[in-house]
């Protein structure tokens, strides 16, 4: 259930970011939007890594 929720939220976020990227390309702010997209992507990866490490840590002790 949690996996499906994460999948839906991630899909919505990616679609929103793609629409923002298209709008930024029309307005000439493409590089700023790409930078923001990279920051968001790195934040998502870091969050996933922290949850994975926490999950493995708690699983080892339970």
N, C-alpha and C. Protein backbone atom coordinates (compact mmCIF):
# COMPACT_ATOMS: atom_id res chain seq x y z
N UNK A 1 0.82 -1.20 0.00
CA UNK A 1 0.00 0.00 0.00
C UNK A 1 0.86 1.26 0.00
N UNK A 2 1.89 1.25 0.84
CA UNK A 2 2.80 2.40 0.90
C UNK A 2 3.55 2.56 -0.42
N UNK A 3 3.92 1.45 -1.03
CA UNK A 3 4.63 1.51 -2.30
C UNK A 3 3.77 2.13 -3.38
N UNK A 4 2.50 1.79 -3.42
CA UNK A 4 1.59 2.35 -4.41
C UNK A 4 1.42 3.85 -4.18
N UNK A 5 1.31 4.26 -2.93
CA UNK A 5 1.19 5.68 -2.60
C UNK A 5 2.43 6.45 -3.06
N UNK A 6 3.61 5.90 -2.78
CA UNK A 6 4.85 6.56 -3.20
C UNK A 6 4.93 6.63 -4.72
N UNK A 7 4.52 5.58 -5.40
CA UNK A 7 4.52 5.57 -6.86
C UNK A 7 3.61 6.64 -7.43
N UNK A 8 2.40 6.78 -6.89
CA UNK A 8 1.44 7.77 -7.38
C UNK A 8 1.96 9.18 -7.13
N UNK A 9 2.45 9.44 -5.92
CA UNK A 9 2.95 10.78 -5.60
C UNK A 9 4.17 11.12 -6.45
N UNK A 10 5.05 10.17 -6.65
CA UNK A 10 6.24 10.41 -7.48
C UNK A 10 5.86 10.68 -8.93
N UNK A 11 4.88 9.95 -9.44
CA UNK A 11 4.43 10.15 -10.82
C UNK A 11 3.83 11.54 -10.98
N UNK A 12 3.01 11.96 -10.04
CA UNK A 12 2.43 13.30 -10.09
C UNK A 12 3.51 14.36 -10.03
N UNK A 13 4.50 14.16 -9.17
CA UNK A 13 5.59 15.13 -9.04
C UNK A 13 6.40 15.23 -10.33
N UNK A 14 6.69 14.10 -10.95
CA UNK A 14 7.46 14.11 -12.20
C UNK A 14 6.67 14.79 -13.31
N UNK A 15 5.38 14.51 -13.39
CA UNK A 15 4.55 15.16 -14.41
C UNK A 15 4.52 16.67 -14.19
N UNK A 16 4.36 17.10 -12.94
CA UNK A 16 4.35 18.53 -12.62
C UNK A 16 5.68 19.18 -13.01
N UNK A 17 6.78 18.52 -12.70
CA UNK A 17 8.08 19.07 -13.04
C UNK A 17 8.30 19.15 -14.55
N UNK A 18 7.80 18.15 -15.28
CA UNK A 18 7.93 18.21 -16.74
C UNK A 18 7.12 19.36 -17.32
N UNK A 19 5.91 19.60 -16.79
CA UNK A 19 5.12 20.74 -17.26
C UNK A 19 5.81 22.05 -16.93
N UNK A 20 6.42 22.13 -15.75
CA UNK A 20 7.15 23.34 -15.38
C UNK A 20 8.36 23.54 -16.29
N UNK A 21 9.01 22.46 -16.66
CA UNK A 21 10.16 22.52 -17.56
C UNK A 21 9.74 23.02 -18.94
N UNK A 22 8.61 22.55 -19.42
CA UNK A 22 8.11 23.01 -20.73
C UNK A 22 7.76 24.49 -20.67
N UNK A 23 7.10 24.92 -19.59
CA UNK A 23 6.77 26.34 -19.45
C UNK A 23 8.01 27.21 -19.31
N UNK A 24 9.02 26.71 -18.62
CA UNK A 24 10.26 27.48 -18.46
C UNK A 24 10.99 27.61 -19.79
N UNK A 25 10.92 26.57 -20.60
CA UNK A 25 11.55 26.64 -21.92
C UNK A 25 10.92 27.72 -22.78
N UNK A 26 9.64 27.91 -22.65
CA UNK A 26 8.95 28.96 -23.41
C UNK A 26 9.31 30.35 -22.89
N UNK A 27 9.58 30.43 -21.57
CA UNK A 27 9.87 31.74 -20.97
C UNK A 27 11.37 32.05 -20.93
N UNK A 28 12.21 31.13 -21.34
CA UNK A 28 13.64 31.36 -21.36
C UNK A 28 14.33 31.11 -20.02
N UNK A 29 13.70 30.38 -19.13
CA UNK A 29 14.28 30.08 -17.83
C UNK A 29 14.63 28.60 -17.74
N UNK A 30 15.09 28.03 -18.82
CA UNK A 30 15.31 26.59 -18.88
C UNK A 30 16.43 26.14 -17.94
N UNK A 31 17.53 26.84 -17.89
CA UNK A 31 18.66 26.43 -17.05
C UNK A 31 18.32 26.50 -15.57
N UNK A 32 17.58 27.51 -15.17
CA UNK A 32 17.18 27.61 -13.76
C UNK A 32 16.27 26.45 -13.38
N UNK A 33 15.37 26.09 -14.27
CA UNK A 33 14.45 25.00 -13.99
C UNK A 33 15.19 23.66 -13.97
N UNK A 34 16.15 23.48 -14.85
CA UNK A 34 16.94 22.25 -14.84
C UNK A 34 17.75 22.14 -13.54
N UNK A 35 18.28 23.25 -13.07
CA UNK A 35 19.01 23.25 -11.80
C UNK A 35 18.08 22.87 -10.65
N UNK A 36 16.88 23.45 -10.64
CA UNK A 36 15.91 23.12 -9.59
C UNK A 36 15.50 21.65 -9.67
N UNK A 37 15.34 21.15 -10.88
CA UNK A 37 14.98 19.74 -11.07
C UNK A 37 16.08 18.83 -10.54
N UNK A 38 17.33 19.18 -10.78
CA UNK A 38 18.45 18.39 -10.28
C UNK A 38 18.48 18.40 -8.75
N UNK A 39 18.23 19.54 -8.15
CA UNK A 39 18.21 19.63 -6.68
C UNK A 39 17.09 18.77 -6.11
N UNK A 40 15.92 18.81 -6.72
CA UNK A 40 14.80 18.00 -6.25
C UNK A 40 15.10 16.51 -6.42
N UNK A 41 15.69 16.15 -7.54
CA UNK A 41 16.05 14.75 -7.79
C UNK A 41 17.04 14.25 -6.75
N UNK A 42 18.05 15.06 -6.45
CA UNK A 42 19.03 14.67 -5.45
C UNK A 42 18.40 14.56 -4.06
N UNK A 43 17.47 15.45 -3.75
CA UNK A 43 16.78 15.38 -2.46
C UNK A 43 15.95 14.09 -2.36
N UNK A 44 15.29 13.71 -3.44
CA UNK A 44 14.51 12.47 -3.44
C UNK A 44 15.42 11.27 -3.27
N UNK A 45 16.57 11.28 -3.95
CA UNK A 45 17.51 10.16 -3.80
C UNK A 45 18.05 10.07 -2.38
N UNK A 46 18.38 11.21 -1.79
CA UNK A 46 18.88 11.21 -0.42
C UNK A 46 17.81 10.71 0.55
N UNK A 47 16.57 11.13 0.36
CA UNK A 47 15.48 10.67 1.22
C UNK A 47 15.29 9.17 1.09
N UNK A 48 15.32 8.67 -0.12
CA UNK A 48 15.17 7.23 -0.34
C UNK A 48 16.32 6.46 0.31
N UNK A 49 17.52 6.99 0.20
CA UNK A 49 18.68 6.32 0.81
C UNK A 49 18.57 6.30 2.33
N UNK A 50 18.11 7.39 2.93
CA UNK A 50 17.95 7.44 4.38
C UNK A 50 16.89 6.44 4.84
N UNK A 51 15.76 6.38 4.13
CA UNK A 51 14.73 5.42 4.49
C UNK A 51 15.21 3.98 4.33
N UNK A 52 15.99 3.73 3.28
CA UNK A 52 16.52 2.38 3.05
C UNK A 52 17.47 1.98 4.18
N UNK A 53 18.37 2.88 4.53
CA UNK A 53 19.32 2.59 5.61
C UNK A 53 18.57 2.39 6.93
N UNK A 54 17.58 3.24 7.21
CA UNK A 54 16.79 3.07 8.42
C UNK A 54 16.03 1.77 8.43
N UNK A 55 15.46 1.40 7.31
CA UNK A 55 14.73 0.13 7.21
C UNK A 55 15.66 -1.05 7.47
N UNK A 56 16.84 -1.03 6.87
CA UNK A 56 17.79 -2.11 7.08
C UNK A 56 18.26 -2.16 8.52
N UNK A 57 18.45 -0.99 9.13
CA UNK A 57 18.90 -0.91 10.51
C UNK A 57 17.88 -1.51 11.46
N UNK A 58 16.61 -1.10 11.31
CA UNK A 58 15.58 -1.62 12.19
C UNK A 58 15.27 -3.09 11.92
N UNK A 59 15.42 -3.51 10.70
CA UNK A 59 15.16 -4.91 10.35
C UNK A 59 16.22 -5.82 10.97
N UNK A 60 17.42 -5.30 11.12
CA UNK A 60 18.50 -6.10 11.70
C UNK A 60 18.26 -6.34 13.19
N UNK A 61 17.61 -5.39 13.87
CA UNK A 61 17.40 -5.51 15.29
C UNK A 61 16.04 -6.10 15.67
N UNK A 62 15.14 -6.22 14.72
CA UNK A 62 13.82 -6.77 15.03
C UNK A 62 13.64 -8.18 14.51
